[in-house]
């Protein structure tokens, strides 16, 4: 079975597609904290992939929800 995986990296975060699920991963900046991972929509992932939305904008959108 082939691994279904793709990632697009930003400065301090990245969006990931893995097995038809979509995630944003970012570091909150707090000392000693682990990266935060949140599920995002396929639409947001495709917007980053096409260049119409930056990885950082996706991170900000989900960070404050």
PDB file of N, CA and C in Angstrom:
ATOM      1  N   UNK A   1       0.841  -1.178   0.000  1.00  0.00           N
ATOM      2  CA  UNK A   1       0.000   0.000   0.000  1.00  0.00           C
ATOM      3  C   UNK A   1       0.888   1.243   0.000  1.00  0.00           C
ATOM      4  N   UNK A   2       0.652   2.120  -0.939  1.00  0.00           N
ATOM      5  CA  UNK A   2       1.453   3.333  -1.056  1.00  0.00           C
ATOM      6  C   UNK A   2       1.004   4.361  -0.025  1.00  0.00           C
ATOM      7  N   UNK A   3       1.963   5.074   0.511  1.00  0.00           N
ATOM      8  CA  UNK A   3       1.676   6.116   1.494  1.00  0.00           C
ATOM      9  C   UNK A   3       1.136   7.349   0.777  1.00  0.00           C
ATOM     10  N   UNK A   4      -0.008   7.826   1.202  1.00  0.00           N
ATOM     11  CA  UNK A   4      -0.644   9.010   0.629  1.00  0.00           C
ATOM     12  C   UNK A   4      -0.274  10.191   1.515  1.00  0.00           C
ATOM     13  N   UNK A   5       0.785  10.930   1.135  1.00  0.00           N
ATOM     14  CA  UNK A   5       1.319  11.978   2.004  1.00  0.00           C
ATOM     15  C   UNK A   5       1.873  13.119   1.165  1.00  0.00           C
ATOM     16  N   UNK A   6       1.577  14.337   1.583  1.00  0.00           N
ATOM     17  CA  UNK A   6       2.137  15.530   0.944  1.00  0.00           C
ATOM     18  C   UNK A   6       2.203  16.631   1.990  1.00  0.00           C
ATOM     19  N   UNK A   7       3.270  17.394   2.000  1.00  0.00           N
ATOM     20  CA  UNK A   7       3.370  18.515   2.938  1.00  0.00           C
ATOM     21  C   UNK A   7       3.869  19.755   2.218  1.00  0.00           C
ATOM     22  N   UNK A   8       3.389  20.896   2.689  1.00  0.00           N
ATOM     23  CA  UNK A   8       3.816  22.192   2.170  1.00  0.00           C
ATOM     24  C   UNK A   8       4.262  23.000   3.376  1.00  0.00           C
ATOM     25  N   UNK A   9       5.531  23.403   3.387  1.00  0.00           N
ATOM     26  CA  UNK A   9       6.107  24.070   4.553  1.00  0.00           C
ATOM     27  C   UNK A   9       6.080  25.581   4.416  1.00  0.00           C
ATOM     28  N   UNK A  10       5.799  26.215   5.553  1.00  0.00           N
ATOM     29  CA  UNK A  10       5.897  27.662   5.665  1.00  0.00           C
ATOM     30  C   UNK A  10       7.074  27.989   6.559  1.00  0.00           C
ATOM     31  N   UNK A  11       7.124  29.190   7.080  1.00  0.00           N
ATOM     32  CA  UNK A  11       8.228  29.614   7.933  1.00  0.00           C
ATOM     33  C   UNK A  11       8.187  28.895   9.274  1.00  0.00           C
ATOM     34  N   UNK A  12       7.049  28.937   9.951  1.00  0.00           N
ATOM     35  CA  UNK A  12       6.956  28.310  11.275  1.00  0.00           C
ATOM     36  C   UNK A  12       5.824  27.297  11.352  1.00  0.00           C
ATOM     37  N   UNK A  13       5.304  26.901  10.195  1.00  0.00           N
ATOM     38  CA  UNK A  13       4.187  25.962  10.187  1.00  0.00           C
ATOM     39  C   UNK A  13       4.169  25.212   8.856  1.00  0.00           C
ATOM     40  N   UNK A  14       3.294  24.217   8.756  1.00  0.00           N
ATOM     41  CA  UNK A  14       3.146  23.486   7.506  1.00  0.00           C
ATOM     42  C   UNK A  14       1.744  22.908   7.423  1.00  0.00           C
ATOM     43  N   UNK A  15       1.287  22.664   6.189  1.00  0.00           N
ATOM     44  CA  UNK A  15       0.038  21.954   5.972  1.00  0.00           C
ATOM     45  C   UNK A  15       0.384  20.587   5.407  1.00  0.00           C
ATOM     46  N   UNK A  16      -0.398  19.593   5.804  1.00  0.00           N
ATOM     47  CA  UNK A  16      -0.101  18.208   5.462  1.00  0.00           C
ATOM     48  C   UNK A  16      -1.369  17.531   4.960  1.00  0.00           C
ATOM     49  N   UNK A  17      -1.211  16.723   3.905  1.00  0.00           N
ATOM     50  CA  UNK A  17      -2.272  15.829   3.454  1.00  0.00           C
ATOM     51  C   UNK A  17      -1.781  14.416   3.714  1.00  0.00           C
ATOM     52  N   UNK A  18      -2.544  13.654   4.480  1.00  0.00           N
ATOM     53  CA  UNK A  18      -2.156  12.285   4.794  1.00  0.00           C
ATOM     54  C   UNK A  18      -3.399  11.414   4.803  1.00  0.00           C
ATOM     55  N   UNK A  19      -3.425  10.444   3.892  1.00  0.00           N
ATOM     56  CA  UNK A  19      -4.551   9.507   3.785  1.00  0.00           C
ATOM     57  C   UNK A  19      -5.894  10.224   3.723  1.00  0.00           C
ATOM     58  N   UNK A  20      -6.008  11.195   2.824  1.00  0.00           N
ATOM     59  CA  UNK A  20      -7.230  11.966   2.576  1.00  0.00           C
ATOM     60  C   UNK A  20      -7.704  12.789   3.764  1.00  0.00           C
ATOM     61  N   UNK A  21      -6.810  13.092   4.687  1.00  0.00           N
ATOM     62  CA  UNK A  21      -7.098  14.012   5.790  1.00  0.00           C
ATOM     63  C   UNK A  21      -6.115  15.169   5.687  1.00  0.00           C
ATOM     64  N   UNK A  22      -6.521  16.328   6.161  1.00  0.00           N
ATOM     65  CA  UNK A  22      -5.739  17.543   5.978  1.00  0.00           C
ATOM     66  C   UNK A  22      -5.509  18.204   7.327  1.00  0.00           C
ATOM     67  N   UNK A  23      -4.257  18.632   7.569  1.00  0.00           N
ATOM     68  CA  UNK A  23      -3.877  19.181   8.863  1.00  0.00           C
ATOM     69  C   UNK A  23      -2.998  20.409   8.694  1.00  0.00           C
ATOM     70  N   UNK A  24      -3.015  21.287   9.706  1.00  0.00           N
ATOM     71  CA  UNK A  24      -2.040  22.356   9.820  1.00  0.00           C
ATOM     72  C   UNK A  24      -1.268  22.082  11.108  1.00  0.00           C
ATOM     73  N   UNK A  25       0.038  22.214  11.054  1.00  0.00           N
ATOM     74  CA  UNK A  25       0.899  22.002  12.213  1.00  0.00           C
ATOM     75  C   UNK A  25       1.700  23.274  12.440  1.00  0.00           C
ATOM     76  N   UNK A  26       1.680  23.773  13.683  1.00  0.00           N
ATOM     77  CA  UNK A  26       2.410  24.998  13.992  1.00  0.00           C
ATOM     78  C   UNK A  26       2.879  24.970  15.432  1.00  0.00           C
ATOM     79  N   UNK A  27       3.892  25.773  15.711  1.00  0.00           N
ATOM     80  CA  UNK A  27       4.444  25.901  17.056  1.00  0.00           C
ATOM     81  C   UNK A  27       3.843  27.145  17.692  1.00  0.00           C
ATOM     82  N   UNK A  28       3.293  26.994  18.881  1.00  0.00           N
ATOM     83  CA  UNK A  28       2.643  28.128  19.548  1.00  0.00           C
ATOM     84  C   UNK A  28       3.646  29.171  20.021  1.00  0.00           C
ATOM     85  N   UNK A  29       4.901  28.799  20.132  1.00  0.00           N
ATOM     86  CA  UNK A  29       5.928  29.741  20.549  1.00  0.00           C
ATOM     87  C   UNK A  29       6.246  29.693  22.024  1.00  0.00           C
ATOM     88  N   UNK A  30       5.438  28.989  22.798  1.00  0.00           N
ATOM     89  CA  UNK A  30       5.704  28.877  24.234  1.00  0.00           C
ATOM     90  C   UNK A  30       6.890  27.946  24.462  1.00  0.00           C
ATOM     91  N   UNK A  31       7.754  28.328  25.363  1.00  0.00           N
ATOM     92  CA  UNK A  31       8.948  27.534  25.627  1.00  0.00           C
ATOM     93  C   UNK A  31       8.551  26.164  26.174  1.00  0.00           C
ATOM     94  N   UNK A  32       9.092  25.121  25.580  1.00  0.00           N
ATOM     95  CA  UNK A  32       8.837  23.765  26.027  1.00  0.00           C
ATOM     96  C   UNK A  32       7.543  23.164  25.512  1.00  0.00           C
ATOM     97  N   UNK A  33       6.814  23.897  24.670  1.00  0.00           N
ATOM     98  CA  UNK A  33       5.550  23.361  24.156  1.00  0.00           C
ATOM     99  C   UNK A  33       5.803  22.524  22.907  1.00  0.00           C
ATOM    100  N   UNK A  34       4.893  21.639  22.646  1.00  0.00           N
ATOM    101  CA  UNK A  34       4.975  20.816  21.438  1.00  0.00           C
ATOM    102  C   UNK A  34       4.163  21.481  20.330  1.00  0.00           C
ATOM    103  N   UNK A  35       4.437  21.123  19.085  1.00  0.00           N
ATOM    104  CA  UNK A  35       3.653  21.696  17.986  1.00  0.00           C
ATOM    105  C   UNK A  35       2.170  21.342  18.113  1.00  0.00           C
ATOM    106  N   UNK A  36       1.330  22.253  17.686  1.00  0.00           N
ATOM    107  CA  UNK A  36      -0.112  22.041  17.672  1.00  0.00           C
ATOM    108  C   UNK A  36      -0.506  21.531  16.294  1.00  0.00           C
ATOM    109  N   UNK A  37      -1.359  20.521  16.251  1.00  0.00           N
ATOM    110  CA  UNK A  37      -1.845  19.970  14.989  1.00  0.00           C
ATOM    111  C   UNK A  37      -3.364  20.061  15.001  1.00  0.00           C
ATOM    112  N   UNK A  38      -3.928  20.680  13.962  1.00  0.00           N
ATOM    113  CA  UNK A  38      -5.378  20.795  13.841  1.00  0.00           C
ATOM    114  C   UNK A  38      -5.805  20.366  12.450  1.00  0.00           C
ATOM    115  N   UNK A  39      -6.950  19.715  12.373  1.00  0.00           N
ATOM    116  CA  UNK A  39      -7.474  19.299  11.084  1.00  0.00           C
ATOM    117  C   UNK A  39      -8.046  20.511  10.353  1.00  0.00           C
ATOM    118  N   UNK A  40      -7.793  20.580   9.042  1.00  0.00           N
ATOM    119  CA  UNK A  40      -8.288  21.673   8.210  1.00  0.00           C
ATOM    120  C   UNK A  40      -9.115  21.089   7.072  1.00  0.00           C
ATOM    121  N   UNK A  41      -9.690  21.956   6.260  1.00  0.00           N
ATOM    122  CA  UNK A  41     -10.498  21.494   5.134  1.00  0.00           C
ATOM    123  C   UNK A  41      -9.622  21.240   3.904  1.00  0.00           C
ATOM    124  N   UNK A  42     -10.116  20.393   3.038  1.00  0.00           N
ATOM    125  CA  UNK A  42      -9.417  20.129   1.782  1.00  0.00           C
ATOM    126  C   UNK A  42      -9.339  21.407   0.947  1.00  0.00           C
ATOM    127  N   UNK A  43     -10.348  22.234   1.049  1.00  0.00           N
ATOM    128  CA  UNK A  43     -10.369  23.503   0.310  1.00  0.00           C
ATOM    129  C   UNK A  43      -9.195  24.398   0.721  1.00  0.00           C
ATOM    130  N   UNK A  44      -8.929  24.499   2.039  1.00  0.00           N
ATOM    131  CA  UNK A  44      -7.800  25.303   2.505  1.00  0.00           C
ATOM    132  C   UNK A  44      -6.475  24.712   2.038  1.00  0.00           C
ATOM    133  N   UNK A  45      -6.342  23.388   2.089  1.00  0.00           N
ATOM    134  CA  UNK A  45      -5.111  22.743   1.631  1.00  0.00           C
ATOM    135  C   UNK A  45      -4.879  23.039   0.154  1.00  0.00           C
ATOM    136  N   UNK A  46      -5.921  22.897  -0.656  1.00  0.00           N
ATOM    137  CA  UNK A  46      -5.787  23.142  -2.094  1.00  0.00           C
ATOM    138  C   UNK A  46      -5.496  24.608  -2.397  1.00  0.00           C
ATOM    139  N   UNK A  47      -6.013  25.521  -1.578  1.00  0.00           N
ATOM    140  CA  UNK A  47      -5.717  26.947  -1.760  1.00  0.00           C
ATOM    141  C   UNK A  47      -4.238  27.227  -1.516  1.00  0.00           C
ATOM    142  N   UNK A  48      -3.664  26.581  -0.509  1.00  0.00           N
ATOM    143  CA  UNK A  48      -2.227  26.735  -0.252  1.00  0.00           C
ATOM    144  C   UNK A  48      -1.432  26.132  -1.398  1.00  0.00           C
ATOM    145  N   UNK A  49      -1.847  24.958  -1.845  1.00  0.00           N
ATOM    146  CA  UNK A  49      -1.140  24.268  -2.922  1.00  0.00           C
ATOM    147  C   UNK A  49      -1.143  25.090  -4.211  1.00  0.00           C
ATOM    148  N   UNK A  50      -2.253  25.777  -4.487  1.00  0.00           N
ATOM    149  CA  UNK A  50      -2.343  26.580  -5.711  1.00  0.00           C
ATOM    150  C   UNK A  50      -1.659  27.937  -5.572  1.00  0.00           C
ATOM    151  N   UNK A  51      -1.353  28.337  -4.328  1.00  0.00           N
ATOM    152  CA  UNK A  51      -0.679  29.606  -4.106  1.00  0.00           C
ATOM    153  C   UNK A  51      -1.610  30.766  -3.802  1.00  0.00           C
ATOM    154  N   UNK A  52      -2.918  30.521  -3.758  1.00  0.00           N
ATOM    155  CA  UNK A  52      -3.854  31.613  -3.486  1.00  0.00           C
ATOM    156  C   UNK A  52      -3.982  31.927  -2.000  1.00  0.00           C
ATOM    157  N   UNK A  53      -3.434  31.078  -1.141  1.00  0.00           N
ATOM    158  CA  UNK A  53      -3.462  31.291   0.306  1.00  0.00           C
ATOM    159  C   UNK A  53      -2.120  30.841   0.867  1.00  0.00           C
ATOM    160  N   UNK A  54      -1.562  31.603   1.803  1.00  0.00           N
ATOM    161  CA  UNK A  54      -0.271  31.215   2.375  1.00  0.00           C
ATOM    162  C   UNK A  54      -0.474  30.248   3.535  1.00  0.00           C
ATOM    163  N   UNK A  55       0.542  29.469   3.821  1.00  0.00           N
ATOM    164  CA  UNK A  55       0.502  28.526   4.939  1.00  0.00           C
ATOM    165  C   UNK A  55       0.267  29.287   6.239  1.00  0.00           C
ATOM    166  N   UNK A  56       0.895  30.441   6.378  1.00  0.00           N
ATOM    167  CA  UNK A  56       0.754  31.234   7.595  1.00  0.00           C
ATOM    168  C   UNK A  56      -0.682  31.725   7.785  1.00  0.00           C
ATOM    169  N   UNK A  57      -1.368  32.074   6.690  1.00  0.00           N
ATOM    170  CA  UNK A  57      -2.764  32.507   6.793  1.00  0.00           C
ATOM    171  C   UNK A  57      -3.666  31.370   7.256  1.00  0.00           C
ATOM    172  N   UNK A  58      -3.406  30.157   6.789  1.00  0.00           N
ATOM    173  CA  UNK A  58      -4.180  28.996   7.245  1.00  0.00           C
ATOM    174  C   UNK A  58      -3.935  28.776   8.731  1.00  0.00           C
ATOM    175  N   UNK A  59      -2.681  28.871   9.155  1.00  0.00           N
ATOM    176  CA  UNK A  59      -2.346  28.687  10.569  1.00  0.00           C
ATOM    177  C   UNK A  59      -3.086  29.712  11.427  1.00  0.00           C
ATOM    178  N   UNK A  60      -3.087  30.966  11.012  1.00  0.00           N
ATOM    179  CA  UNK A  60      -3.771  32.013  11.780  1.00  0.00           C
ATOM    180  C   UNK A  60      -5.271  31.769  11.843  1.00  0.00           C
ATOM    181  N   UNK A  61      -5.847  31.300  10.757  1.00  0.00           N
ATOM    182  CA  UNK A  61      -7.287  31.036  10.710  1.00  0.00           C
ATOM    183  C   UNK A  61      -7.684  29.978  11.740  1.00  0.00           C
ATOM    184  N   UNK A  62      -6.912  28.913  11.844  1.00  0.00           N
ATOM    185  CA  UNK A  62      -7.260  27.816  12.754  1.00  0.00           C
ATOM    186  C   UNK A  62      -6.730  28.037  14.166  1.00  0.00           C
ATOM    187  N   UNK A  63      -5.718  28.859  14.309  1.00  0.00           N
ATOM    188  CA  UNK A  63      -5.133  29.128  15.629  1.00  0.00           C
ATOM    189  C   UNK A  63      -6.117  29.853  16.534  1.00  0.00           C
ATOM    190  N   UNK A  64      -6.918  30.741  15.990  1.00  0.00           N
ATOM    191  CA  UNK A  64      -7.812  31.566  16.803  1.00  0.00           C
ATOM    192  C   UNK A  64      -9.244  31.046  16.856  1.00  0.00           C
ATOM    193  N   UNK A  65      -9.473  29.805  16.459  1.00  0.00           N
ATOM    194  CA  UNK A  65     -10.821  29.220  16.545  1.00  0.00           C
ATOM    195  C   UNK A  65     -11.051  28.585  17.881  1.00  0.00           C
TER     196      UNK A  65
END
